[in-house]
């Protein structure tokens, strides 16, 4: 993610981006890096009416035990959909 690199078999991520070629549509992704990441990514109810999420969140399975300490990055992309112009909170010491 930009200059930040994360690795491990326990990561999960949710993010949304504009769909190429469309002025109105978007594409959302739910991803994980291994069995523990899948366990952390699956229970969230993102299709519930009124559920609120930022543009992106990257977390480890530690989030299930420690709460926000398990979040590696969270925030909103810039108006141009870039990380550089966005409002992203990075968890210090978690990126390489």
PDB file of N, CA and C in Angstrom:
ATOM      1  N   UNK A   1       0.857  -1.170   0.000  1.00  0.00           N
ATOM      2  CA  UNK A   1       0.000   0.000   0.000  1.00  0.00           C
ATOM      3  C   UNK A   1       0.898   1.227   0.000  1.00  0.00           C
ATOM      4  N   UNK A   2       1.051   1.810  -1.152  1.00  0.00           N
ATOM      5  CA  UNK A   2       1.962   2.931  -1.250  1.00  0.00           C
ATOM      6  C   UNK A   2       3.366   2.467  -0.915  1.00  0.00           C
ATOM      7  N   UNK A   3       4.030   3.146   0.002  1.00  0.00           N
ATOM      8  CA  UNK A   3       5.377   2.768   0.433  1.00  0.00           C
ATOM      9  C   UNK A   3       5.355   1.767   1.580  1.00  0.00           C
ATOM     10  N   UNK A   4       4.182   1.401   2.054  1.00  0.00           N
ATOM     11  CA  UNK A   4       4.050   0.489   3.189  1.00  0.00           C
ATOM     12  C   UNK A   4       3.850  -0.935   2.679  1.00  0.00           C
ATOM     13  N   UNK A   5       4.575  -1.872   3.267  1.00  0.00           N
ATOM     14  CA  UNK A   5       4.416  -3.283   2.913  1.00  0.00           C
ATOM     15  C   UNK A   5       4.020  -4.067   4.153  1.00  0.00           C
ATOM     16  N   UNK A   6       3.080  -4.953   3.991  1.00  0.00           N
ATOM     17  CA  UNK A   6       2.601  -5.812   5.069  1.00  0.00           C
ATOM     18  C   UNK A   6       2.687  -7.249   4.587  1.00  0.00           C
ATOM     19  N   UNK A   7       3.042  -8.151   5.467  1.00  0.00           N
ATOM     20  CA  UNK A   7       3.102  -9.557   5.078  1.00  0.00           C
ATOM     21  C   UNK A   7       2.605 -10.416   6.222  1.00  0.00           C
ATOM     22  N   UNK A   8       2.244 -11.631   5.895  1.00  0.00           N
ATOM     23  CA  UNK A   8       1.769 -12.584   6.887  1.00  0.00           C
ATOM     24  C   UNK A   8       0.575 -13.348   6.355  1.00  0.00           C
ATOM     25  N   UNK A   9       0.291 -14.462   6.981  1.00  0.00           N
ATOM     26  CA  UNK A   9      -0.836 -15.304   6.577  1.00  0.00           C
ATOM     27  C   UNK A   9      -2.065 -15.030   7.431  1.00  0.00           C
ATOM     28  N   UNK A  10      -2.085 -13.867   8.096  1.00  0.00           N
ATOM     29  CA  UNK A  10      -3.191 -13.552   9.006  1.00  0.00           C
ATOM     30  C   UNK A  10      -3.831 -12.216   8.683  1.00  0.00           C
ATOM     31  N   UNK A  11      -3.691 -11.718   7.457  1.00  0.00           N
ATOM     32  CA  UNK A  11      -4.188 -10.393   7.110  1.00  0.00           C
ATOM     33  C   UNK A  11      -5.525 -10.453   6.385  1.00  0.00           C
ATOM     34  N   UNK A  12      -6.339  -9.454   6.620  1.00  0.00           N
ATOM     35  CA  UNK A  12      -7.603  -9.280   5.919  1.00  0.00           C
ATOM     36  C   UNK A  12      -7.708  -7.839   5.469  1.00  0.00           C
ATOM     37  N   UNK A  13      -8.485  -7.591   4.424  1.00  0.00           N
ATOM     38  CA  UNK A  13      -8.640  -6.231   3.920  1.00  0.00           C
ATOM     39  C   UNK A  13     -10.010  -6.059   3.288  1.00  0.00           C
ATOM     40  N   UNK A  14     -10.543  -4.846   3.435  1.00  0.00           N
ATOM     41  CA  UNK A  14     -11.741  -4.415   2.719  1.00  0.00           C
ATOM     42  C   UNK A  14     -11.376  -3.100   2.055  1.00  0.00           C
ATOM     43  N   UNK A  15     -11.737  -2.942   0.802  1.00  0.00           N
ATOM     44  CA  UNK A  15     -11.536  -1.646   0.174  1.00  0.00           C
ATOM     45  C   UNK A  15     -12.484  -1.472  -0.996  1.00  0.00           C
ATOM     46  N   UNK A  16     -12.641  -0.236  -1.422  1.00  0.00           N
ATOM     47  CA  UNK A  16     -13.513   0.103  -2.537  1.00  0.00           C
ATOM     48  C   UNK A  16     -12.749   1.033  -3.468  1.00  0.00           C
ATOM     49  N   UNK A  17     -12.995   0.894  -4.752  1.00  0.00           N
ATOM     50  CA  UNK A  17     -12.361   1.723  -5.777  1.00  0.00           C
ATOM     51  C   UNK A  17     -13.394   2.015  -6.869  1.00  0.00           C
ATOM     52  N   UNK A  18     -13.223   3.093  -7.612  1.00  0.00           N
ATOM     53  CA  UNK A  18     -14.131   3.328  -8.737  1.00  0.00           C
ATOM     54  C   UNK A  18     -13.939   2.252  -9.804  1.00  0.00           C
ATOM     55  N   UNK A  19     -15.013   1.893 -10.455  1.00  0.00           N
ATOM     56  CA  UNK A  19     -14.912   0.919 -11.543  1.00  0.00           C
ATOM     57  C   UNK A  19     -14.419   1.626 -12.804  1.00  0.00           C
ATOM     58  N   UNK A  20     -13.413   1.066 -13.419  1.00  0.00           N
ATOM     59  CA  UNK A  20     -12.850   1.661 -14.637  1.00  0.00           C
ATOM     60  C   UNK A  20     -13.933   1.796 -15.705  1.00  0.00           C
ATOM     61  N   UNK A  21     -13.985   2.939 -16.347  1.00  0.00           N
ATOM     62  CA  UNK A  21     -14.936   3.155 -17.428  1.00  0.00           C
ATOM     63  C   UNK A  21     -16.314   3.600 -16.980  1.00  0.00           C
ATOM     64  N   UNK A  22     -16.518   3.794 -15.686  1.00  0.00           N
ATOM     65  CA  UNK A  22     -17.828   4.215 -15.193  1.00  0.00           C
ATOM     66  C   UNK A  22     -17.682   5.469 -14.343  1.00  0.00           C
ATOM     67  N   UNK A  23     -18.639   6.386 -14.485  1.00  0.00           N
ATOM     68  CA  UNK A  23     -18.640   7.591 -13.654  1.00  0.00           C
ATOM     69  C   UNK A  23     -19.423   7.387 -12.360  1.00  0.00           C
ATOM     70  N   UNK A  24     -20.136   6.266 -12.233  1.00  0.00           N
ATOM     71  CA  UNK A  24     -20.984   6.070 -11.057  1.00  0.00           C
ATOM     72  C   UNK A  24     -20.734   4.768 -10.304  1.00  0.00           C
ATOM     73  N   UNK A  25     -20.188   3.754 -10.948  1.00  0.00           N
ATOM     74  CA  UNK A  25     -20.061   2.441 -10.315  1.00  0.00           C
ATOM     75  C   UNK A  25     -18.740   2.301  -9.564  1.00  0.00           C
ATOM     76  N   UNK A  26     -18.745   1.425  -8.574  1.00  0.00           N
ATOM     77  CA  UNK A  26     -17.551   1.129  -7.780  1.00  0.00           C
ATOM     78  C   UNK A  26     -17.400  -0.380  -7.646  1.00  0.00           C
ATOM     79  N   UNK A  27     -16.204  -0.784  -7.277  1.00  0.00           N
ATOM     80  CA  UNK A  27     -15.907  -2.196  -7.045  1.00  0.00           C
ATOM     81  C   UNK A  27     -15.401  -2.316  -5.612  1.00  0.00           C
ATOM     82  N   UNK A  28     -15.958  -3.223  -4.861  1.00  0.00           N
ATOM     83  CA  UNK A  28     -15.509  -3.474  -3.493  1.00  0.00           C
ATOM     84  C   UNK A  28     -14.791  -4.815  -3.447  1.00  0.00           C
ATOM     85  N   UNK A  29     -13.794  -4.918  -2.573  1.00  0.00           N
ATOM     86  CA  UNK A  29     -13.035  -6.160  -2.448  1.00  0.00           C
ATOM     87  C   UNK A  29     -12.945  -6.566  -0.985  1.00  0.00           C
ATOM     88  N   UNK A  30     -13.063  -7.836  -0.759  1.00  0.00           N
ATOM     89  CA  UNK A  30     -12.823  -8.453   0.544  1.00  0.00           C
ATOM     90  C   UNK A  30     -11.723  -9.474   0.284  1.00  0.00           C
ATOM     91  N   UNK A  31     -10.596  -9.342   0.977  1.00  0.00           N
ATOM     92  CA  UNK A  31      -9.450 -10.200   0.683  1.00  0.00           C
ATOM     93  C   UNK A  31      -8.796 -10.665   1.977  1.00  0.00           C
ATOM     94  N   UNK A  32      -8.055 -11.772   1.890  1.00  0.00           N
ATOM     95  CA  UNK A  32      -7.299 -12.276   3.034  1.00  0.00           C
ATOM     96  C   UNK A  32      -6.067 -12.996   2.525  1.00  0.00           C
ATOM     97  N   UNK A  33      -5.080 -13.149   3.417  1.00  0.00           N
ATOM     98  CA  UNK A  33      -3.804 -13.717   2.998  1.00  0.00           C
ATOM     99  C   UNK A  33      -3.580 -15.152   3.464  1.00  0.00           C
ATOM    100  N   UNK A  34      -4.445 -15.696   4.247  1.00  0.00           N
ATOM    101  CA  UNK A  34      -4.280 -17.067   4.719  1.00  0.00           C
ATOM    102  C   UNK A  34      -5.459 -17.458   5.580  1.00  0.00           C
ATOM    103  N   UNK A  35      -5.438 -18.658   6.161  1.00  0.00           N
ATOM    104  CA  UNK A  35      -6.561 -19.137   6.967  1.00  0.00           C
ATOM    105  C   UNK A  35      -6.936 -18.197   8.123  1.00  0.00           C
ATOM    106  N   UNK A  36      -5.951 -17.663   8.824  1.00  0.00           N
ATOM    107  CA  UNK A  36      -6.265 -16.762   9.938  1.00  0.00           C
ATOM    108  C   UNK A  36      -6.856 -15.455   9.418  1.00  0.00           C
ATOM    109  N   UNK A  37      -6.363 -14.963   8.284  1.00  0.00           N
ATOM    110  CA  UNK A  37      -6.928 -13.762   7.667  1.00  0.00           C
ATOM    111  C   UNK A  37      -8.365 -13.983   7.234  1.00  0.00           C
ATOM    112  N   UNK A  38      -8.651 -15.177   6.702  1.00  0.00           N
ATOM    113  CA  UNK A  38     -10.026 -15.513   6.309  1.00  0.00           C
ATOM    114  C   UNK A  38     -10.934 -15.517   7.531  1.00  0.00           C
ATOM    115  N   UNK A  39     -10.466 -16.086   8.628  1.00  0.00           N
ATOM    116  CA  UNK A  39     -11.261 -16.125   9.862  1.00  0.00           C
ATOM    117  C   UNK A  39     -11.582 -14.715  10.331  1.00  0.00           C
ATOM    118  N   UNK A  40     -10.635 -13.801  10.222  1.00  0.00           N
ATOM    119  CA  UNK A  40     -10.862 -12.423  10.657  1.00  0.00           C
ATOM    120  C   UNK A  40     -11.754 -11.656   9.689  1.00  0.00           C
ATOM    121  N   UNK A  41     -11.653 -11.923   8.394  1.00  0.00           N
ATOM    122  CA  UNK A  41     -12.381 -11.158   7.384  1.00  0.00           C
ATOM    123  C   UNK A  41     -13.842 -11.579   7.234  1.00  0.00           C
ATOM    124  N   UNK A  42     -14.164 -12.805   7.528  1.00  0.00           N
ATOM    125  CA  UNK A  42     -15.500 -13.334   7.232  1.00  0.00           C
ATOM    126  C   UNK A  42     -16.652 -12.847   8.118  1.00  0.00           C
ATOM    127  N   UNK A  43     -16.484 -12.630   9.414  1.00  0.00           N
ATOM    128  CA  UNK A  43     -17.671 -12.359  10.222  1.00  0.00           C
ATOM    129  C   UNK A  43     -18.279 -10.967  10.067  1.00  0.00           C
ATOM    130  N   UNK A  44     -17.626 -10.059   9.388  1.00  0.00           N
ATOM    131  CA  UNK A  44     -18.130  -8.690   9.281  1.00  0.00           C
ATOM    132  C   UNK A  44     -19.354  -8.650   8.380  1.00  0.00           C
ATOM    133  N   UNK A  45     -20.362  -7.918   8.794  1.00  0.00           N
ATOM    134  CA  UNK A  45     -21.616  -7.849   8.043  1.00  0.00           C
ATOM    135  C   UNK A  45     -21.648  -6.580   7.201  1.00  0.00           C
ATOM    136  N   UNK A  46     -20.911  -6.599   6.093  1.00  0.00           N
ATOM    137  CA  UNK A  46     -20.783  -5.418   5.249  1.00  0.00           C
ATOM    138  C   UNK A  46     -21.990  -5.200   4.361  1.00  0.00           C
ATOM    139  N   UNK A  47     -22.887  -6.167   4.222  1.00  0.00           N
ATOM    140  CA  UNK A  47     -24.078  -5.984   3.402  1.00  0.00           C
ATOM    141  C   UNK A  47     -25.309  -5.599   4.223  1.00  0.00           C
ATOM    142  N   UNK A  48     -25.116  -5.223   5.456  1.00  0.00           N
ATOM    143  CA  UNK A  48     -26.221  -4.794   6.314  1.00  0.00           C
ATOM    144  C   UNK A  48     -26.535  -3.333   6.015  1.00  0.00           C
ATOM    145  N   UNK A  49     -27.792  -3.013   5.887  1.00  0.00           N
ATOM    146  CA  UNK A  49     -28.189  -1.636   5.632  1.00  0.00           C
ATOM    147  C   UNK A  49     -27.666  -0.723   6.737  1.00  0.00           C
ATOM    148  N   UNK A  50     -27.044   0.352   6.344  1.00  0.00           N
ATOM    149  CA  UNK A  50     -26.528   1.314   7.313  1.00  0.00           C
ATOM    150  C   UNK A  50     -25.137   0.992   7.829  1.00  0.00           C
ATOM    151  N   UNK A  51     -24.534  -0.131   7.394  1.00  0.00           N
ATOM    152  CA  UNK A  51     -23.173  -0.445   7.829  1.00  0.00           C
ATOM    153  C   UNK A  51     -22.232   0.616   7.273  1.00  0.00           C
ATOM    154  N   UNK A  52     -21.334   1.109   8.110  1.00  0.00           N
ATOM    155  CA  UNK A  52     -20.421   2.155   7.673  1.00  0.00           C
ATOM    156  C   UNK A  52     -18.982   1.685   7.708  1.00  0.00           C
ATOM    157  N   UNK A  53     -18.277   1.873   6.619  1.00  0.00           N
ATOM    158  CA  UNK A  53     -16.878   1.480   6.517  1.00  0.00           C
ATOM    159  C   UNK A  53     -16.105   2.599   5.845  1.00  0.00           C
ATOM    160  N   UNK A  54     -14.821   2.725   6.179  1.00  0.00           N
ATOM    161  CA  UNK A  54     -13.984   3.656   5.426  1.00  0.00           C
ATOM    162  C   UNK A  54     -13.694   3.081   4.040  1.00  0.00           C
ATOM    163  N   UNK A  55     -12.973   3.834   3.209  1.00  0.00           N
ATOM    164  CA  UNK A  55     -12.631   3.340   1.869  1.00  0.00           C
ATOM    165  C   UNK A  55     -11.740   2.118   1.930  1.00  0.00           C
ATOM    166  N   UNK A  56     -10.893   2.038   2.954  1.00  0.00           N
ATOM    167  CA  UNK A  56     -10.001   0.879   3.073  1.00  0.00           C
ATOM    168  C   UNK A  56      -9.677   0.593   4.532  1.00  0.00           C
ATOM    169  N   UNK A  57      -9.534  -0.688   4.809  1.00  0.00           N
ATOM    170  CA  UNK A  57      -9.054  -1.127   6.117  1.00  0.00           C
ATOM    171  C   UNK A  57      -8.235  -2.398   5.904  1.00  0.00           C
ATOM    172  N   UNK A  58      -7.078  -2.426   6.511  1.00  0.00           N
ATOM    173  CA  UNK A  58      -6.208  -3.601   6.492  1.00  0.00           C
ATOM    174  C   UNK A  58      -5.989  -3.996   7.940  1.00  0.00           C
ATOM    175  N   UNK A  59      -6.197  -5.263   8.257  1.00  0.00           N
ATOM    176  CA  UNK A  59      -6.115  -5.717   9.649  1.00  0.00           C
ATOM    177  C   UNK A  59      -5.523  -7.106   9.705  1.00  0.00           C
ATOM    178  N   UNK A  60      -5.075  -7.479  10.887  1.00  0.00           N
ATOM    179  CA  UNK A  60      -4.591  -8.840  11.108  1.00  0.00           C
ATOM    180  C   UNK A  60      -5.619  -9.573  11.965  1.00  0.00           C
ATOM    181  N   UNK A  61      -5.458 -10.873  12.045  1.00  0.00           N
ATOM    182  CA  UNK A  61      -6.355 -11.673  12.881  1.00  0.00           C
ATOM    183  C   UNK A  61      -6.227 -11.280  14.353  1.00  0.00           C
ATOM    184  N   UNK A  62      -5.137 -10.612  14.731  1.00  0.00           N
ATOM    185  CA  UNK A  62      -4.996 -10.107  16.104  1.00  0.00           C
ATOM    186  C   UNK A  62      -6.159  -9.207  16.493  1.00  0.00           C
ATOM    187  N   UNK A  63      -6.780  -8.578  15.503  1.00  0.00           N
ATOM    188  CA  UNK A  63      -7.900  -7.686  15.766  1.00  0.00           C
ATOM    189  C   UNK A  63      -9.021  -8.399  16.526  1.00  0.00           C
ATOM    190  N   UNK A  64      -9.164  -9.707  16.305  1.00  0.00           N
ATOM    191  CA  UNK A  64     -10.214 -10.457  16.999  1.00  0.00           C
ATOM    192  C   UNK A  64      -9.961 -10.528  18.505  1.00  0.00           C
ATOM    193  N   UNK A  65      -8.680 -10.460  18.912  1.00  0.00           N
ATOM    194  CA  UNK A  65      -8.322 -10.518  20.333  1.00  0.00           C
ATOM    195  C   UNK A  65      -8.040  -9.152  20.936  1.00  0.00           C
ATOM    196  N   UNK A  66      -7.390  -8.285  20.166  1.00  0.00           N
ATOM    197  CA  UNK A  66      -6.894  -7.027  20.728  1.00  0.00           C
ATOM    198  C   UNK A  66      -7.677  -5.804  20.288  1.00  0.00           C
ATOM    199  N   UNK A  67      -8.624  -5.972  19.398  1.00  0.00           N
ATOM    200  CA  UNK A  67      -9.381  -4.825  18.905  1.00  0.00           C
ATOM    201  C   UNK A  67      -8.560  -3.976  17.957  1.00  0.00           C
ATOM    202  N   UNK A  68      -8.556  -2.664  18.169  1.00  0.00           N
ATOM    203  CA  UNK A  68      -7.938  -1.753  17.218  1.00  0.00           C
ATOM    204  C   UNK A  68      -6.425  -1.922  17.089  1.00  0.00           C
ATOM    205  N   UNK A  69      -5.761  -2.556  18.040  1.00  0.00           N
ATOM    206  CA  UNK A  69      -4.329  -2.818  17.898  1.00  0.00           C
ATOM    207  C   UNK A  69      -4.039  -3.722  16.706  1.00  0.00           C
ATOM    208  N   UNK A  70      -5.017  -4.503  16.282  1.00  0.00           N
ATOM    209  CA  UNK A  70      -4.840  -5.389  15.141  1.00  0.00           C
ATOM    210  C   UNK A  70      -5.037  -4.709  13.796  1.00  0.00           C
ATOM    211  N   UNK A  71      -5.480  -3.452  13.803  1.00  0.00           N
ATOM    212  CA  UNK A  71      -5.666  -2.716  12.555  1.00  0.00           C
ATOM    213  C   UNK A  71      -4.311  -2.197  12.091  1.00  0.00           C
ATOM    214  N   UNK A  72      -3.950  -2.497  10.853  1.00  0.00           N
ATOM    215  CA  UNK A  72      -2.664  -2.061  10.293  1.00  0.00           C
ATOM    216  C   UNK A  72      -2.780  -0.730   9.570  1.00  0.00           C
ATOM    217  N   UNK A  73      -3.908  -0.505   8.894  1.00  0.00           N
ATOM    218  CA  UNK A  73      -4.146   0.757   8.186  1.00  0.00           C
ATOM    219  C   UNK A  73      -5.652   0.919   8.012  1.00  0.00           C
ATOM    220  N   UNK A  74      -6.105   2.166   8.073  1.00  0.00           N
ATOM    221  CA  UNK A  74      -7.532   2.446   7.919  1.00  0.00           C
ATOM    222  C   UNK A  74      -7.696   3.878   7.449  1.00  0.00           C
ATOM    223  N   UNK A  75      -8.669   4.112   6.596  1.00  0.00           N
ATOM    224  CA  UNK A  75      -8.924   5.487   6.205  1.00  0.00           C
ATOM    225  C   UNK A  75      -9.632   5.636   4.878  1.00  0.00           C
ATOM    226  N   UNK A  76      -9.513   6.861   4.357  1.00  0.00           N
ATOM    227  CA  UNK A  76     -10.203   7.248   3.139  1.00  0.00           C
ATOM    228  C   UNK A  76      -9.189   7.696   2.108  1.00  0.00           C
ATOM    229  N   UNK A  77      -9.407   7.301   0.860  1.00  0.00           N
ATOM    230  CA  UNK A  77      -8.562   7.762  -0.234  1.00  0.00           C
ATOM    231  C   UNK A  77      -8.840   9.244  -0.478  1.00  0.00           C
ATOM    232  N   UNK A  78      -7.931   9.910  -1.176  1.00  0.00           N
ATOM    233  CA  UNK A  78      -8.147  11.298  -1.550  1.00  0.00           C
ATOM    234  C   UNK A  78      -9.255  11.409  -2.590  1.00  0.00           C
ATOM    235  N   UNK A  79      -9.673  12.627  -2.881  1.00  0.00           N
ATOM    236  CA  UNK A  79     -10.713  12.835  -3.893  1.00  0.00           C
ATOM    237  C   UNK A  79     -10.301  12.297  -5.256  1.00  0.00           C
ATOM    238  N   UNK A  80      -8.988  12.165  -5.476  1.00  0.00           N
ATOM    239  CA  UNK A  80      -8.479  11.570  -6.711  1.00  0.00           C
ATOM    240  C   UNK A  80      -8.234  10.066  -6.551  1.00  0.00           C
ATOM    241  N   UNK A  81      -8.672   9.480  -5.459  1.00  0.00           N
ATOM    242  CA  UNK A  81      -8.541   8.062  -5.110  1.00  0.00           C
ATOM    243  C   UNK A  81      -7.104   7.650  -4.833  1.00  0.00           C
ATOM    244  N   UNK A  82      -6.241   8.589  -4.495  1.00  0.00           N
ATOM    245  CA  UNK A  82      -4.854   8.244  -4.180  1.00  0.00           C
ATOM    246  C   UNK A  82      -4.678   8.069  -2.674  1.00  0.00           C
ATOM    247  N   UNK A  83      -3.677   7.279  -2.286  1.00  0.00           N
ATOM    248  CA  UNK A  83      -3.299   7.177  -0.877  1.00  0.00           C
ATOM    249  C   UNK A  83      -2.640   8.469  -0.404  1.00  0.00           C
ATOM    250  N   UNK A  84      -1.839   9.072  -1.284  1.00  0.00           N
ATOM    251  CA  UNK A  84      -1.063  10.249  -0.914  1.00  0.00           C
ATOM    252  C   UNK A  84      -1.940  11.433  -0.502  1.00  0.00           C
ATOM    253  N   UNK A  85      -3.072  11.588  -1.119  1.00  0.00           N
ATOM    254  CA  UNK A  85      -3.958  12.703  -0.798  1.00  0.00           C
ATOM    255  C   UNK A  85      -5.098  12.286   0.126  1.00  0.00           C
ATOM    256  N   UNK A  86      -5.021  11.059   0.597  1.00  0.00           N
ATOM    257  CA  UNK A  86      -6.075  10.545   1.460  1.00  0.00           C
ATOM    258  C   UNK A  86      -5.827  10.835   2.926  1.00  0.00           C
ATOM    259  N   UNK A  87      -6.711  10.329   3.735  1.00  0.00           N
ATOM    260  CA  UNK A  87      -6.625  10.448   5.182  1.00  0.00           C
ATOM    261  C   UNK A  87      -6.506   9.036   5.738  1.00  0.00           C
ATOM    262  N   UNK A  88      -5.276   8.515   5.763  1.00  0.00           N
ATOM    263  CA  UNK A  88      -5.000   7.137   6.145  1.00  0.00           C
ATOM    264  C   UNK A  88      -4.232   7.128   7.459  1.00  0.00           C
ATOM    265  N   UNK A  89      -4.682   6.312   8.400  1.00  0.00           N
ATOM    266  CA  UNK A  89      -3.956   6.112   9.663  1.00  0.00           C
ATOM    267  C   UNK A  89      -3.200   4.791   9.554  1.00  0.00           C
ATOM    268  N   UNK A  90      -1.884   4.858   9.708  1.00  0.00           N
ATOM    269  CA  UNK A  90      -1.024   3.675   9.634  1.00  0.00           C
ATOM    270  C   UNK A  90      -0.660   3.276  11.046  1.00  0.00           C
ATOM    271  N   UNK A  91      -0.685   1.997  11.350  1.00  0.00           N
ATOM    272  CA  UNK A  91      -0.316   1.496  12.676  1.00  0.00           C
ATOM    273  C   UNK A  91       1.209   1.397  12.726  1.00  0.00           C
ATOM    274  N   UNK A  92       1.874   2.295  13.443  1.00  0.00           N
ATOM    275  CA  UNK A  92       3.341   2.294  13.475  1.00  0.00           C
ATOM    276  C   UNK A  92       3.890   0.952  13.956  1.00  0.00           C
ATOM    277  N   UNK A  93       4.985   0.557  13.352  1.00  0.00           N
ATOM    278  CA  UNK A  93       5.638  -0.684  13.764  1.00  0.00           C
ATOM    279  C   UNK A  93       5.041  -1.920  13.140  1.00  0.00           C
ATOM    280  N   UNK A  94       3.968  -1.796  12.404  1.00  0.00           N
ATOM    281  CA  UNK A  94       3.331  -2.966  11.791  1.00  0.00           C
ATOM    282  C   UNK A  94       3.704  -3.124  10.322  1.00  0.00           C
ATOM    283  N   UNK A  95       4.097  -2.033   9.668  1.00  0.00           N
ATOM    284  CA  UNK A  95       4.488  -2.109   8.263  1.00  0.00           C
ATOM    285  C   UNK A  95       5.998  -2.332   8.176  1.00  0.00           C
ATOM    286  N   UNK A  96       6.432  -2.855   7.055  1.00  0.00           N
ATOM    287  CA  UNK A  96       7.880  -3.041   6.831  1.00  0.00           C
ATOM    288  C   UNK A  96       8.324  -2.047   5.783  1.00  0.00           C
TER     289      UNK A  96
END
